[in-house]
Amino acid sequence: MIASMRCVASFHYQDPINKLITSIKTNPHAPELQQLSGLLAITIADRYGSTELPQIIVPVPLHWHKLTRRGFNQSDSIARSPCQKLPGTALRNDICYRRTYSPPQHLQGKHQRLRFMRNAFTVDKRINGQSIAIVDDVVTTKATAISAASSLIKAGAKSVDIWCIARTGWHIAAP
């Protein structure tokens, strides 16, 4: 289990941000993508200040079936801007994989999300003492982030943070 996880978000998940995020989930060329991911990079730089940034940026992986159907991973698209703008970071989408398929998260309640996400990810590379940031579009229950982070910690990560465009309000003030 993860002892602590820093969650950095640029926005509350509410109007109009929720509509902009829907756009980047359905259109890999949505103009909102560059603006939102650029603002995320600025938020990350501000939040970390002089603290060392994670070295590895891992977009939350999609299950191969969903990736094939959708044609792109919006988390990978979001992660590119922070990676380009934050020195000493490397984008790696070859470390963590989604091994289980589940129904779309927005159609599930909190308990279902937690159950479906348990052991949903696998890591097939050792990550010896590296600090990692997982990038996602929205964090709601943290089920996805906790599952992916747990897999990365088991593979040797020193720490795992989550970076997202928006998160729901019940934990927006969390460090």
Foldseek 3Di string as FASTA:
>chain_A
DAPDAAEFALAACDPPLVVLLVVLQQDVPDPVLVVLLLSLLVSVCVVCPPNDDFQEEEELADAPVVCVVRVDRSSLSSVPNNQVVPPNHDYDHQFKYFDDDDPDPVVDDLVVLLVRLALRMAGDAADAATEYEYEDAEAENCSSVVSRQVRNVVSHYNYYYYGYHHYHDPCPVPD
